[in-house]
N, C-alpha and C. Protein backbone atom coordinates (compact mmCIF):
# COMPACT_ATOMS: atom_id res chain seq x y z
N PHE A 1 -11.02 14.94 -24.58
CA PHE A 1 -11.56 16.20 -23.94
C PHE A 1 -11.32 17.32 -25.02
N GLN A 2 -10.09 17.50 -25.35
CA GLN A 2 -9.86 18.68 -26.24
C GLN A 2 -10.45 18.43 -27.74
N LYS A 3 -10.11 17.17 -28.10
CA LYS A 3 -10.55 16.67 -29.43
C LYS A 3 -11.93 16.53 -29.71
N PHE A 4 -12.70 15.99 -28.58
CA PHE A 4 -14.09 15.47 -28.93
C PHE A 4 -15.12 16.27 -28.15
N LEU A 5 -14.85 16.82 -26.95
CA LEU A 5 -15.89 17.52 -26.13
C LEU A 5 -15.97 18.99 -26.42
N LEU A 6 -14.82 19.62 -26.25
CA LEU A 6 -14.73 21.08 -26.45
C LEU A 6 -15.23 21.59 -27.84
N PRO A 7 -14.72 20.96 -28.86
CA PRO A 7 -15.32 21.34 -30.24
C PRO A 7 -16.82 21.37 -30.41
N THR A 8 -17.58 20.51 -29.61
CA THR A 8 -18.91 20.34 -29.78
C THR A 8 -19.67 21.41 -29.04
N LEU A 9 -19.06 22.07 -28.14
CA LEU A 9 -19.86 23.08 -27.38
C LEU A 9 -19.89 24.41 -28.13
N THR A 10 -20.99 24.74 -28.56
CA THR A 10 -21.01 25.90 -29.35
C THR A 10 -21.36 27.26 -28.68
N THR A 11 -21.65 27.11 -27.35
CA THR A 11 -22.00 28.25 -26.62
C THR A 11 -21.06 28.15 -25.35
N PRO A 12 -20.70 29.25 -24.68
CA PRO A 12 -19.96 29.15 -23.44
C PRO A 12 -20.80 28.33 -22.47
N SER A 13 -20.16 27.23 -22.01
CA SER A 13 -20.63 26.27 -21.03
C SER A 13 -19.96 26.01 -19.81
N VAL A 14 -20.70 25.49 -18.72
CA VAL A 14 -19.92 25.01 -17.43
C VAL A 14 -19.81 23.55 -17.59
N ILE A 15 -18.54 23.01 -17.49
CA ILE A 15 -18.34 21.61 -17.59
C ILE A 15 -18.11 21.10 -16.21
N ILE A 16 -18.96 20.16 -15.67
CA ILE A 16 -18.83 19.59 -14.39
C ILE A 16 -18.04 18.26 -14.53
N MET A 17 -16.96 18.07 -13.71
CA MET A 17 -16.36 16.85 -13.78
C MET A 17 -15.89 16.35 -12.37
N ASP A 18 -15.92 15.04 -12.27
CA ASP A 18 -15.35 14.58 -11.02
C ASP A 18 -13.99 14.94 -10.79
N ASN A 19 -13.56 14.94 -9.64
CA ASN A 19 -12.15 15.36 -9.35
C ASN A 19 -11.20 14.16 -9.17
N ALA A 20 -11.27 13.28 -10.02
CA ALA A 20 -10.34 12.16 -9.97
C ALA A 20 -8.88 12.77 -10.18
N ARG A 21 -7.95 12.00 -9.59
CA ARG A 21 -6.60 12.59 -9.65
C ARG A 21 -5.87 12.50 -11.09
N PHE A 22 -6.37 11.59 -11.84
CA PHE A 22 -5.93 11.49 -13.15
C PHE A 22 -6.32 12.62 -14.11
N HIS A 23 -7.46 13.23 -13.78
CA HIS A 23 -7.83 14.44 -14.46
C HIS A 23 -6.88 15.56 -14.18
N ARG A 24 -6.15 16.08 -15.08
CA ARG A 24 -5.22 17.18 -14.74
C ARG A 24 -6.05 18.41 -14.80
N MET A 25 -6.64 18.86 -13.64
CA MET A 25 -7.53 20.08 -13.54
C MET A 25 -6.73 21.30 -13.93
N GLY A 26 -5.55 21.61 -13.70
CA GLY A 26 -4.97 22.82 -14.07
C GLY A 26 -4.94 22.93 -15.69
N LYS A 27 -4.52 21.81 -16.36
CA LYS A 27 -4.52 21.81 -17.82
C LYS A 27 -5.92 21.94 -18.30
N LEU A 28 -6.85 21.19 -17.77
CA LEU A 28 -8.15 21.16 -18.25
C LEU A 28 -8.79 22.63 -18.06
N GLU A 29 -8.60 23.19 -17.02
CA GLU A 29 -9.11 24.62 -16.76
C GLU A 29 -8.59 25.58 -17.93
N LEU A 30 -7.37 25.54 -18.20
CA LEU A 30 -6.72 26.39 -19.18
C LEU A 30 -7.39 26.04 -20.54
N LEU A 31 -7.62 24.73 -20.83
CA LEU A 31 -8.24 24.43 -22.07
C LEU A 31 -9.73 24.89 -22.21
N CYS A 32 -10.34 24.91 -21.09
CA CYS A 32 -11.70 25.33 -21.21
C CYS A 32 -11.79 26.76 -21.34
N GLU A 33 -10.99 27.60 -20.48
CA GLU A 33 -10.96 28.99 -20.66
C GLU A 33 -10.62 29.50 -22.07
N GLU A 34 -9.69 28.66 -22.71
CA GLU A 34 -9.13 28.94 -24.02
C GLU A 34 -10.51 28.75 -25.14
N PHE A 35 -11.39 27.83 -24.80
CA PHE A 35 -12.37 27.71 -25.60
C PHE A 35 -13.68 28.50 -25.20
N GLY A 36 -13.53 29.32 -24.06
CA GLY A 36 -14.61 30.07 -23.58
C GLY A 36 -15.62 29.38 -22.62
N HIS A 37 -15.09 28.43 -22.04
CA HIS A 37 -16.07 27.56 -21.05
C HIS A 37 -15.31 27.65 -19.65
N LYS A 38 -16.16 27.32 -18.64
CA LYS A 38 -15.69 27.22 -17.26
C LYS A 38 -15.74 25.70 -16.81
N LEU A 39 -14.72 25.25 -16.08
CA LEU A 39 -14.61 24.05 -15.58
C LEU A 39 -15.02 24.09 -14.08
N LEU A 40 -15.82 23.18 -13.69
CA LEU A 40 -16.35 23.08 -12.18
C LEU A 40 -16.10 21.65 -11.74
N PRO A 41 -14.92 21.57 -11.03
CA PRO A 41 -14.62 20.22 -10.46
C PRO A 41 -15.53 19.79 -9.22
N LEU A 42 -15.99 18.50 -9.04
CA LEU A 42 -16.79 18.18 -7.92
C LEU A 42 -15.77 17.99 -6.87
N PRO A 43 -16.21 18.00 -5.50
CA PRO A 43 -15.31 17.42 -4.35
C PRO A 43 -14.63 16.13 -4.75
N PRO A 44 -13.51 15.87 -4.14
CA PRO A 44 -12.79 14.68 -4.43
C PRO A 44 -13.62 13.36 -4.35
N TYR A 45 -14.38 13.17 -3.39
CA TYR A 45 -15.26 12.00 -3.33
C TYR A 45 -16.70 12.52 -2.96
N SER A 46 -17.59 12.44 -3.92
CA SER A 46 -18.87 13.02 -3.86
C SER A 46 -19.90 12.22 -4.46
N PRO A 47 -20.28 11.12 -3.98
CA PRO A 47 -21.23 10.18 -4.54
C PRO A 47 -22.55 10.89 -4.68
N GLU A 48 -22.89 11.77 -3.64
CA GLU A 48 -24.18 12.48 -3.84
C GLU A 48 -24.32 13.26 -5.04
N TYR A 49 -23.21 13.79 -5.67
CA TYR A 49 -23.24 14.54 -6.97
C TYR A 49 -23.12 13.66 -8.22
N ASN A 50 -22.64 12.59 -8.00
CA ASN A 50 -22.24 11.52 -9.11
C ASN A 50 -23.03 10.14 -8.80
N PRO A 51 -24.14 10.09 -9.41
CA PRO A 51 -25.09 9.11 -9.15
C PRO A 51 -24.52 7.64 -9.60
N ILE A 52 -23.63 7.69 -10.47
CA ILE A 52 -22.91 6.42 -10.96
C ILE A 52 -22.26 5.66 -9.93
N GLU A 53 -21.74 6.47 -8.90
CA GLU A 53 -20.92 5.84 -7.75
C GLU A 53 -21.83 4.87 -7.08
N LYS A 54 -23.13 5.06 -6.83
CA LYS A 54 -23.94 4.12 -6.23
C LYS A 54 -24.07 2.85 -7.00
N THR A 55 -24.23 2.88 -8.31
CA THR A 55 -24.19 1.80 -9.19
C THR A 55 -23.02 1.00 -9.14
N TRP A 56 -21.64 1.68 -9.07
CA TRP A 56 -20.46 0.92 -8.93
C TRP A 56 -20.33 0.21 -7.54
N VAL A 57 -20.87 0.83 -6.55
CA VAL A 57 -20.91 0.08 -5.24
C VAL A 57 -21.69 -1.14 -5.23
N HIS A 58 -22.82 -1.21 -5.94
CA HIS A 58 -23.64 -2.33 -6.02
C HIS A 58 -22.95 -3.47 -6.97
N ILE A 59 -22.44 -3.02 -8.13
CA ILE A 59 -21.68 -3.90 -9.01
C ILE A 59 -20.45 -4.60 -8.24
N LYS A 60 -19.72 -3.79 -7.47
CA LYS A 60 -18.56 -4.24 -6.88
C LYS A 60 -18.80 -5.33 -5.82
N LYS A 61 -19.90 -4.98 -5.13
CA LYS A 61 -20.49 -5.87 -4.11
C LYS A 61 -20.71 -7.26 -4.68
N ASN A 62 -21.51 -7.28 -5.72
CA ASN A 62 -21.96 -8.43 -6.24
C ASN A 62 -20.76 -9.19 -6.90
N LEU A 63 -19.92 -8.45 -7.59
CA LEU A 63 -18.68 -9.19 -8.16
C LEU A 63 -17.92 -9.81 -7.08
N LYS A 64 -17.72 -9.15 -5.87
CA LYS A 64 -16.90 -9.88 -4.97
C LYS A 64 -17.34 -11.13 -4.60
N LYS A 65 -18.69 -11.39 -4.69
CA LYS A 65 -19.30 -12.71 -4.21
C LYS A 65 -19.04 -13.72 -5.34
N VAL A 66 -19.02 -13.41 -6.46
CA VAL A 66 -18.89 -14.34 -7.70
C VAL A 66 -17.48 -14.56 -8.19
N LEU A 67 -16.66 -13.53 -8.03
CA LEU A 67 -15.22 -13.66 -8.58
C LEU A 67 -14.42 -14.94 -8.16
N PRO A 68 -14.44 -15.41 -6.96
CA PRO A 68 -13.73 -16.54 -6.57
C PRO A 68 -14.15 -17.72 -7.39
N SER A 69 -15.33 -17.85 -7.82
CA SER A 69 -15.81 -19.14 -8.44
C SER A 69 -15.74 -18.94 -9.90
N CYS A 70 -15.22 -17.89 -10.41
CA CYS A 70 -15.08 -17.67 -11.95
C CYS A 70 -13.73 -17.82 -12.47
N ASN A 71 -13.64 -18.15 -13.72
CA ASN A 71 -12.22 -18.28 -14.39
C ASN A 71 -11.84 -16.95 -14.90
N THR A 72 -12.73 -16.07 -15.41
CA THR A 72 -12.56 -14.85 -16.00
C THR A 72 -13.43 -13.69 -15.48
N PHE A 73 -12.95 -12.53 -15.69
CA PHE A 73 -13.75 -11.32 -15.16
C PHE A 73 -15.00 -11.26 -16.02
N TYR A 74 -14.91 -11.63 -17.34
CA TYR A 74 -16.06 -11.64 -18.14
C TYR A 74 -17.12 -12.49 -17.61
N GLU A 75 -16.60 -13.87 -17.23
CA GLU A 75 -17.50 -14.85 -16.70
C GLU A 75 -18.22 -14.34 -15.43
N ALA A 76 -17.44 -13.66 -14.58
CA ALA A 76 -17.93 -13.10 -13.37
C ALA A 76 -19.12 -12.05 -13.52
N LEU A 77 -18.81 -11.27 -14.60
CA LEU A 77 -19.76 -10.28 -15.10
C LEU A 77 -21.12 -10.86 -15.53
N LEU A 78 -21.00 -11.99 -16.30
CA LEU A 78 -22.19 -12.70 -16.71
C LEU A 78 -22.86 -13.48 -15.59
N SER A 79 -22.27 -13.81 -14.62
CA SER A 79 -22.95 -14.62 -13.75
C SER A 79 -23.46 -13.70 -12.43
N CYS A 80 -23.00 -12.55 -12.48
CA CYS A 80 -23.28 -11.61 -11.36
C CYS A 80 -24.71 -11.26 -11.32
N SER A 81 -25.31 -11.41 -10.09
CA SER A 81 -26.86 -11.23 -9.96
C SER A 81 -27.20 -9.90 -10.23
N CYS A 82 -26.42 -8.88 -10.19
CA CYS A 82 -26.76 -7.46 -10.43
C CYS A 82 -27.05 -7.29 -11.97
N PHE A 83 -26.69 -8.17 -12.81
CA PHE A 83 -26.97 -7.87 -14.29
C PHE A 83 -27.97 -8.87 -14.73
N ASN A 84 -28.67 -9.71 -13.86
CA ASN A 84 -29.88 -10.58 -14.15
C ASN A 84 -31.10 -9.90 -13.93
């Protein structure tokens, strides 16, 4: 975040992030302010604002079907109907 994202933003920006627990919002907010940006966290679980969540639901559903018959996770991904 500090090394790759913030230095590329050349004008004051609003950074929208999901509110995952592993994101240290307090520290990230301070970093954003230090670089002249604003951090806007999404509500904790907000699939309507984060379209990738719908994709993960689809992938997980399909993986649950094929995982028991596969030897590795990679094999399960390859045989998963959602990738065909």
